[in-house]
Amino acid sequence: MIDYSPFWKTLENSDENWYTLTTKHHMSHSTLHRLKHGKDISMKTVNDLCRILNCEIGDICRYVASEDDQKL
């Protein structure tokens, strides 16, 4: 599963916040809600967040093995 907890730490350490992401950078509340609740987001969104926060993908998300992962 993809864990988005690194995003919240990165956001906390940046000059941005929920308000600026939605108003200045036009991210939807729905996208931030999905991040907050560990739901899937697009790679375009990950790219946008990396650009906005000037960070790497690993600062947004990480892979964590889970029994809930789809069987291969």
PDB file of N, CA and C in Angstrom:
ATOM      1  N   MET A   1       0.837  -1.183   0.000  1.00  0.00           N
ATOM      2  CA  MET A   1       0.000   0.000   0.000  1.00  0.00           C
ATOM      3  C   MET A   1       0.881   1.245   0.000  1.00  0.00           C
ATOM      4  N   ILE A   2       0.342   2.307  -0.481  1.00  0.00           N
ATOM      5  CA  ILE A   2       1.066   3.573  -0.502  1.00  0.00           C
ATOM      6  C   ILE A   2       0.665   4.377   0.734  1.00  0.00           C
ATOM      7  N   ASP A   3       1.663   4.807   1.470  1.00  0.00           N
ATOM      8  CA  ASP A   3       1.464   5.587   2.699  1.00  0.00           C
ATOM      9  C   ASP A   3       1.824   7.035   2.410  1.00  0.00           C
ATOM     10  N   TYR A   4       0.903   7.938   2.684  1.00  0.00           N
ATOM     11  CA  TYR A   4       1.127   9.359   2.410  1.00  0.00           C
ATOM     12  C   TYR A   4       1.546  10.154   3.641  1.00  0.00           C
ATOM     13  N   SER A   5       1.873   9.470   4.728  1.00  0.00           N
ATOM     14  CA  SER A   5       2.260  10.212   5.938  1.00  0.00           C
ATOM     15  C   SER A   5       3.491  11.101   5.730  1.00  0.00           C
ATOM     16  N   PRO A   6       4.454  10.735   4.856  1.00  0.00           N
ATOM     17  CA  PRO A   6       5.575  11.669   4.644  1.00  0.00           C
ATOM     18  C   PRO A   6       5.111  13.032   4.107  1.00  0.00           C
ATOM     19  N   PHE A   7       4.011  13.047   3.355  1.00  0.00           N
ATOM     20  CA  PHE A   7       3.497  14.306   2.803  1.00  0.00           C
ATOM     21  C   PHE A   7       3.191  15.306   3.915  1.00  0.00           C
ATOM     22  N   TRP A   8       2.543  14.835   4.975  1.00  0.00           N
ATOM     23  CA  TRP A   8       2.122  15.747   6.044  1.00  0.00           C
ATOM     24  C   TRP A   8       3.322  16.341   6.773  1.00  0.00           C
ATOM     25  N   LYS A   9       4.366  15.556   6.947  1.00  0.00           N
ATOM     26  CA  LYS A   9       5.596  16.055   7.570  1.00  0.00           C
ATOM     27  C   LYS A   9       6.259  17.075   6.641  1.00  0.00           C
ATOM     28  N   THR A  10       6.301  16.761   5.347  1.00  0.00           N
ATOM     29  CA  THR A  10       6.887  17.680   4.367  1.00  0.00           C
ATOM     30  C   THR A  10       6.098  18.985   4.319  1.00  0.00           C
ATOM     31  N   LEU A  11       4.780  18.875   4.323  1.00  0.00           N
ATOM     32  CA  LEU A  11       3.933  20.069   4.303  1.00  0.00           C
ATOM     33  C   LEU A  11       4.164  20.906   5.558  1.00  0.00           C
ATOM     34  N   GLU A  12       4.248  20.255   6.699  1.00  0.00           N
ATOM     35  CA  GLU A  12       4.472  20.949   7.968  1.00  0.00           C
ATOM     36  C   GLU A  12       5.790  21.719   7.966  1.00  0.00           C
ATOM     37  N   ASN A  13       6.806  21.164   7.316  1.00  0.00           N
ATOM     38  CA  ASN A  13       8.125  21.794   7.279  1.00  0.00           C
ATOM     39  C   ASN A  13       8.294  22.803   6.145  1.00  0.00           C
ATOM     40  N   SER A  14       7.236  23.011   5.368  1.00  0.00           N
ATOM     41  CA  SER A  14       7.305  23.948   4.240  1.00  0.00           C
ATOM     42  C   SER A  14       6.606  25.263   4.597  1.00  0.00           C
ATOM     43  N   ASP A  15       6.651  26.196   3.667  1.00  0.00           N
ATOM     44  CA  ASP A  15       5.938  27.465   3.840  1.00  0.00           C
ATOM     45  C   ASP A  15       4.487  27.354   3.391  1.00  0.00           C
ATOM     46  N   GLU A  16       4.107  26.188   2.883  1.00  0.00           N
ATOM     47  CA  GLU A  16       2.745  25.971   2.387  1.00  0.00           C
ATOM     48  C   GLU A  16       1.884  25.331   3.470  1.00  0.00           C
ATOM     49  N   ASN A  17       0.579  25.373   3.249  1.00  0.00           N
ATOM     50  CA  ASN A  17      -0.368  24.701   4.137  1.00  0.00           C
ATOM     51  C   ASN A  17      -1.608  24.335   3.323  1.00  0.00           C
ATOM     52  N   TRP A  18      -2.583  23.718   3.973  1.00  0.00           N
ATOM     53  CA  TRP A  18      -3.809  23.292   3.291  1.00  0.00           C
ATOM     54  C   TRP A  18      -4.421  24.474   2.543  1.00  0.00           C
ATOM     55  N   TYR A  19      -4.480  25.628   3.193  1.00  0.00           N
ATOM     56  CA  TYR A  19      -5.097  26.816   2.594  1.00  0.00           C
ATOM     57  C   TYR A  19      -4.355  27.251   1.328  1.00  0.00           C
ATOM     58  N   THR A  20      -3.032  27.348   1.379  1.00  0.00           N
ATOM     59  CA  THR A  20      -2.298  27.809   0.200  1.00  0.00           C
ATOM     60  C   THR A  20      -2.332  26.771  -0.920  1.00  0.00           C
ATOM     61  N   LEU A  21      -2.344  25.487  -0.550  1.00  0.00           N
ATOM     62  CA  LEU A  21      -2.443  24.465  -1.598  1.00  0.00           C
ATOM     63  C   LEU A  21      -3.758  24.601  -2.364  1.00  0.00           C
ATOM     64  N   THR A  22      -4.838  24.924  -1.665  1.00  0.00           N
ATOM     65  CA  THR A  22      -6.142  25.027  -2.339  1.00  0.00           C
ATOM     66  C   THR A  22      -6.347  26.383  -3.013  1.00  0.00           C
ATOM     67  N   THR A  23      -5.869  27.451  -2.422  1.00  0.00           N
ATOM     68  CA  THR A  23      -6.128  28.772  -3.004  1.00  0.00           C
ATOM     69  C   THR A  23      -5.050  29.210  -3.994  1.00  0.00           C
ATOM     70  N   LYS A  24      -3.812  29.176  -3.569  1.00  0.00           N
ATOM     71  CA  LYS A  24      -2.710  29.645  -4.415  1.00  0.00           C
ATOM     72  C   LYS A  24      -2.365  28.638  -5.520  1.00  0.00           C
ATOM     73  N   HIS A  25      -2.401  27.351  -5.197  1.00  0.00           N
ATOM     74  CA  HIS A  25      -1.967  26.319  -6.142  1.00  0.00           C
ATOM     75  C   HIS A  25      -3.132  25.546  -6.753  1.00  0.00           C
ATOM     76  N   HIS A  26      -4.352  25.896  -6.376  1.00  0.00           N
ATOM     77  CA  HIS A  26      -5.584  25.353  -6.972  1.00  0.00           C
ATOM     78  C   HIS A  26      -5.715  23.828  -6.856  1.00  0.00           C
ATOM     79  N   MET A  27      -5.212  23.272  -5.762  1.00  0.00           N
ATOM     80  CA  MET A  27      -5.442  21.842  -5.508  1.00  0.00           C
ATOM     81  C   MET A  27      -6.847  21.706  -4.929  1.00  0.00           C
ATOM     82  N   SER A  28      -7.507  20.642  -5.280  1.00  0.00           N
ATOM     83  CA  SER A  28      -8.874  20.474  -4.790  1.00  0.00           C
ATOM     84  C   SER A  28      -8.878  19.970  -3.355  1.00  0.00           C
ATOM     85  N   HIS A  29      -9.938  20.340  -2.644  1.00  0.00           N
ATOM     86  CA  HIS A  29     -10.135  19.829  -1.280  1.00  0.00           C
ATOM     87  C   HIS A  29     -10.252  18.309  -1.329  1.00  0.00           C
ATOM     88  N   SER A  30     -10.832  17.805  -2.385  1.00  0.00           N
ATOM     89  CA  SER A  30     -10.997  16.364  -2.556  1.00  0.00           C
ATOM     90  C   SER A  30      -9.643  15.658  -2.598  1.00  0.00           C
ATOM     91  N   THR A  31      -8.689  16.225  -3.304  1.00  0.00           N
ATOM     92  CA  THR A  31      -7.352  15.631  -3.386  1.00  0.00           C
ATOM     93  C   THR A  31      -6.701  15.592  -2.017  1.00  0.00           C
ATOM     94  N   LEU A  32      -6.783  16.676  -1.279  1.00  0.00           N
ATOM     95  CA  LEU A  32      -6.192  16.716   0.051  1.00  0.00           C
ATOM     96  C   LEU A  32      -6.918  15.769   1.000  1.00  0.00           C
ATOM     97  N   HIS A  33      -8.215  15.644   0.828  1.00  0.00           N
ATOM     98  CA  HIS A  33      -8.996  14.695   1.621  1.00  0.00           C
ATOM     99  C   HIS A  33      -8.533  13.271   1.328  1.00  0.00           C
ATOM    100  N   ARG A  34      -8.290  12.974   0.053  1.00  0.00           N
ATOM    101  CA  ARG A  34      -7.813  11.644  -0.335  1.00  0.00           C
ATOM    102  C   ARG A  34      -6.442  11.366   0.300  1.00  0.00           C
ATOM    103  N   LEU A  35      -5.564  12.341   0.303  1.00  0.00           N
ATOM    104  CA  LEU A  35      -4.257  12.186   0.945  1.00  0.00           C
ATOM    105  C   LEU A  35      -4.424  11.926   2.444  1.00  0.00           C
ATOM    106  N   LYS A  36      -5.287  12.692   3.063  1.00  0.00           N
ATOM    107  CA  LYS A  36      -5.502  12.580   4.506  1.00  0.00           C
ATOM    108  C   LYS A  36      -6.003  11.193   4.896  1.00  0.00           C
ATOM    109  N   HIS A  37      -6.796  10.592   4.017  1.00  0.00           N
ATOM    110  CA  HIS A  37      -7.408   9.302   4.325  1.00  0.00           C
ATOM    111  C   HIS A  37      -6.741   8.127   3.608  1.00  0.00           C
ATOM    112  N   GLY A  38      -5.535   8.371   3.060  1.00  0.00           N
ATOM    113  CA  GLY A  38      -4.755   7.298   2.464  1.00  0.00           C
ATOM    114  C   GLY A  38      -5.341   6.696   1.201  1.00  0.00           C
ATOM    115  N   LYS A  39      -6.137   7.462   0.480  1.00  0.00           N
ATOM    116  CA  LYS A  39      -6.723   7.002  -0.781  1.00  0.00           C
ATOM    117  C   LYS A  39      -5.760   7.297  -1.932  1.00  0.00           C
ATOM    118  N   ASP A  40      -5.975   6.628  -3.051  1.00  0.00           N
ATOM    119  CA  ASP A  40      -5.114   6.818  -4.214  1.00  0.00           C
ATOM    120  C   ASP A  40      -5.210   8.235  -4.771  1.00  0.00           C
ATOM    121  N   ILE A  41      -4.059   8.740  -5.234  1.00  0.00           N
ATOM    122  CA  ILE A  41      -4.008   9.991  -5.978  1.00  0.00           C
ATOM    123  C   ILE A  41      -3.188   9.719  -7.238  1.00  0.00           C
ATOM    124  N   SER A  42      -3.299  10.598  -8.208  1.00  0.00           N
ATOM    125  CA  SER A  42      -2.602  10.384  -9.477  1.00  0.00           C
ATOM    126  C   SER A  42      -1.128  10.775  -9.372  1.00  0.00           C
ATOM    127  N   MET A  43      -0.343  10.235 -10.283  1.00  0.00           N
ATOM    128  CA  MET A  43       1.068  10.619 -10.342  1.00  0.00           C
ATOM    129  C   MET A  43       1.213  12.076 -10.766  1.00  0.00           C
ATOM    130  N   LYS A  44       0.249  12.598 -11.509  1.00  0.00           N
ATOM    131  CA  LYS A  44       0.271  14.021 -11.849  1.00  0.00           C
ATOM    132  C   LYS A  44       0.181  14.855 -10.570  1.00  0.00           C
ATOM    133  N   THR A  45      -0.672  14.433  -9.655  1.00  0.00           N
ATOM    134  CA  THR A  45      -0.808  15.135  -8.380  1.00  0.00           C
ATOM    135  C   THR A  45       0.484  15.034  -7.579  1.00  0.00           C
ATOM    136  N   VAL A  46       1.101  13.851  -7.552  1.00  0.00           N
ATOM    137  CA  VAL A  46       2.387  13.685  -6.858  1.00  0.00           C
ATOM    138  C   VAL A  46       3.417  14.619  -7.488  1.00  0.00           C
ATOM    139  N   ASN A  47       3.450  14.685  -8.814  1.00  0.00           N
ATOM    140  CA  ASN A  47       4.360  15.582  -9.522  1.00  0.00           C
ATOM    141  C   ASN A  47       4.112  17.039  -9.114  1.00  0.00           C
ATOM    142  N   ASP A  48       2.839  17.443  -9.098  1.00  0.00           N
ATOM    143  CA  ASP A  48       2.497  18.817  -8.712  1.00  0.00           C
ATOM    144  C   ASP A  48       2.946  19.114  -7.286  1.00  0.00           C
ATOM    145  N   LEU A  49       2.716  18.172  -6.376  1.00  0.00           N
ATOM    146  CA  LEU A  49       3.114  18.378  -4.980  1.00  0.00           C
ATOM    147  C   LEU A  49       4.632  18.491  -4.852  1.00  0.00           C
ATOM    148  N   CYS A  50       5.360  17.648  -5.580  1.00  0.00           N
ATOM    149  CA  CYS A  50       6.826  17.730  -5.557  1.00  0.00           C
ATOM    150  C   CYS A  50       7.303  19.086  -6.062  1.00  0.00           C
ATOM    151  N   ARG A  51       6.677  19.588  -7.116  1.00  0.00           N
ATOM    152  CA  ARG A  51       7.041  20.897  -7.664  1.00  0.00           C
ATOM    153  C   ARG A  51       6.720  22.006  -6.666  1.00  0.00           C
ATOM    154  N   ILE A  52       5.506  21.971  -6.104  1.00  0.00           N
ATOM    155  CA  ILE A  52       5.072  23.011  -5.167  1.00  0.00           C
ATOM    156  C   ILE A  52       5.937  23.016  -3.915  1.00  0.00           C
ATOM    157  N   LEU A  53       6.211  21.841  -3.375  1.00  0.00           N
ATOM    158  CA  LEU A  53       6.937  21.730  -2.105  1.00  0.00           C
ATOM    159  C   LEU A  53       8.450  21.600  -2.299  1.00  0.00           C
ATOM    160  N   ASN A  54       8.876  21.575  -3.579  1.00  0.00           N
ATOM    161  CA  ASN A  54      10.300  21.467  -3.906  1.00  0.00           C
ATOM    162  C   ASN A  54      10.918  20.266  -3.178  1.00  0.00           C
ATOM    163  N   CYS A  55      10.335  19.091  -3.437  1.00  0.00           N
ATOM    164  CA  CYS A  55      10.776  17.885  -2.742  1.00  0.00           C
ATOM    165  C   CYS A  55      10.811  16.687  -3.683  1.00  0.00           C
ATOM    166  N   GLU A  56      11.216  15.554  -3.163  1.00  0.00           N
ATOM    167  CA  GLU A  56      11.280  14.307  -3.909  1.00  0.00           C
ATOM    168  C   GLU A  56      10.014  13.482  -3.652  1.00  0.00           C
ATOM    169  N   ILE A  57       9.768  12.482  -4.500  1.00  0.00           N
ATOM    170  CA  ILE A  57       8.594  11.622  -4.342  1.00  0.00           C
ATOM    171  C   ILE A  57       8.567  10.990  -2.951  1.00  0.00           C
ATOM    172  N   GLY A  58       9.723  10.581  -2.445  1.00  0.00           N
ATOM    173  CA  GLY A  58       9.791   9.967  -1.120  1.00  0.00           C
ATOM    174  C   GLY A  58       9.374  10.895   0.009  1.00  0.00           C
ATOM    175  N   ASP A  59       9.323  12.194  -0.268  1.00  0.00           N
ATOM    176  CA  ASP A  59       8.851  13.162   0.718  1.00  0.00           C
ATOM    177  C   ASP A  59       7.330  13.281   0.697  1.00  0.00           C
ATOM    178  N   ILE A  60       6.702  12.636  -0.295  1.00  0.00           N
ATOM    179  CA  ILE A  60       5.246  12.663  -0.440  1.00  0.00           C
ATOM    180  C   ILE A  60       4.634  11.324  -0.028  1.00  0.00           C
ATOM    181  N   CYS A  61       5.265  10.236  -0.436  1.00  0.00           N
ATOM    182  CA  CYS A  61       4.688   8.917  -0.160  1.00  0.00           C
ATOM    183  C   CYS A  61       5.772   7.857  -0.071  1.00  0.00           C
ATOM    184  N   ARG A  62       5.370   6.682   0.434  1.00  0.00           N
ATOM    185  CA  ARG A  62       6.275   5.541   0.506  1.00  0.00           C
ATOM    186  C   ARG A  62       5.451   4.275   0.393  1.00  0.00           C
ATOM    187  N   TYR A  63       6.101   3.212  -0.048  1.00  0.00           N
ATOM    188  CA  TYR A  63       5.434   1.919  -0.156  1.00  0.00           C
ATOM    189  C   TYR A  63       5.606   1.150   1.145  1.00  0.00           C
ATOM    190  N   VAL A  64       4.500   0.587   1.629  1.00  0.00           N
ATOM    191  CA  VAL A  64       4.513  -0.256   2.822  1.00  0.00           C
ATOM    192  C   VAL A  64       3.809  -1.550   2.451  1.00  0.00           C
ATOM    193  N   ALA A  65       4.503  -2.677   2.597  1.00  0.00           N
ATOM    194  CA  ALA A  65       3.881  -3.971   2.297  1.00  0.00           C
ATOM    195  C   ALA A  65       2.671  -4.172   3.207  1.00  0.00           C
ATOM    196  N   SER A  66       1.617  -4.745   2.638  1.00  0.00           N
ATOM    197  CA  SER A  66       0.383  -4.931   3.386  1.00  0.00           C
ATOM    198  C   SER A  66      -0.322  -6.208   2.933  1.00  0.00           C
ATOM    199  N   GLU A  67      -0.994  -6.850   3.849  1.00  0.00           N
ATOM    200  CA  GLU A  67      -1.800  -8.033   3.514  1.00  0.00           C
ATOM    201  C   GLU A  67      -2.966  -7.651   2.601  1.00  0.00           C
ATOM    202  N   ASP A  68      -3.323  -6.373   2.588  1.00  0.00           N
ATOM    203  CA  ASP A  68      -4.432  -5.896   1.755  1.00  0.00           C
ATOM    204  C   ASP A  68      -4.018  -5.638   0.316  1.00  0.00           C
ATOM    205  N   ASP A  69      -2.713  -5.740   0.022  1.00  0.00           N
ATOM    206  CA  ASP A  69      -2.250  -5.546  -1.356  1.00  0.00           C
ATOM    207  C   ASP A  69      -2.893  -6.584  -2.282  1.00  0.00           C
ATOM    208  N   GLN A  70      -3.101  -6.161  -3.507  1.00  0.00           N
ATOM    209  CA  GLN A  70      -3.655  -7.055  -4.527  1.00  0.00           C
ATOM    210  C   GLN A  70      -2.709  -8.222  -4.751  1.00  0.00           C
ATOM    211  N   LYS A  71      -3.246  -9.417  -4.847  1.00  0.00           N
ATOM    212  CA  LYS A  71      -2.428 -10.603  -5.110  1.00  0.00           C
ATOM    213  C   LYS A  71      -1.916 -10.553  -6.537  1.00  0.00           C
ATOM    214  N   LEU A  72      -0.668 -10.941  -6.727  1.00  0.00           N
ATOM    215  CA  LEU A  72      -0.053 -10.951  -8.048  1.00  0.00           C
ATOM    216  C   LEU A  72      -0.126 -12.320  -8.653  1.00  0.00           C
TER     217      LEU A  72
END
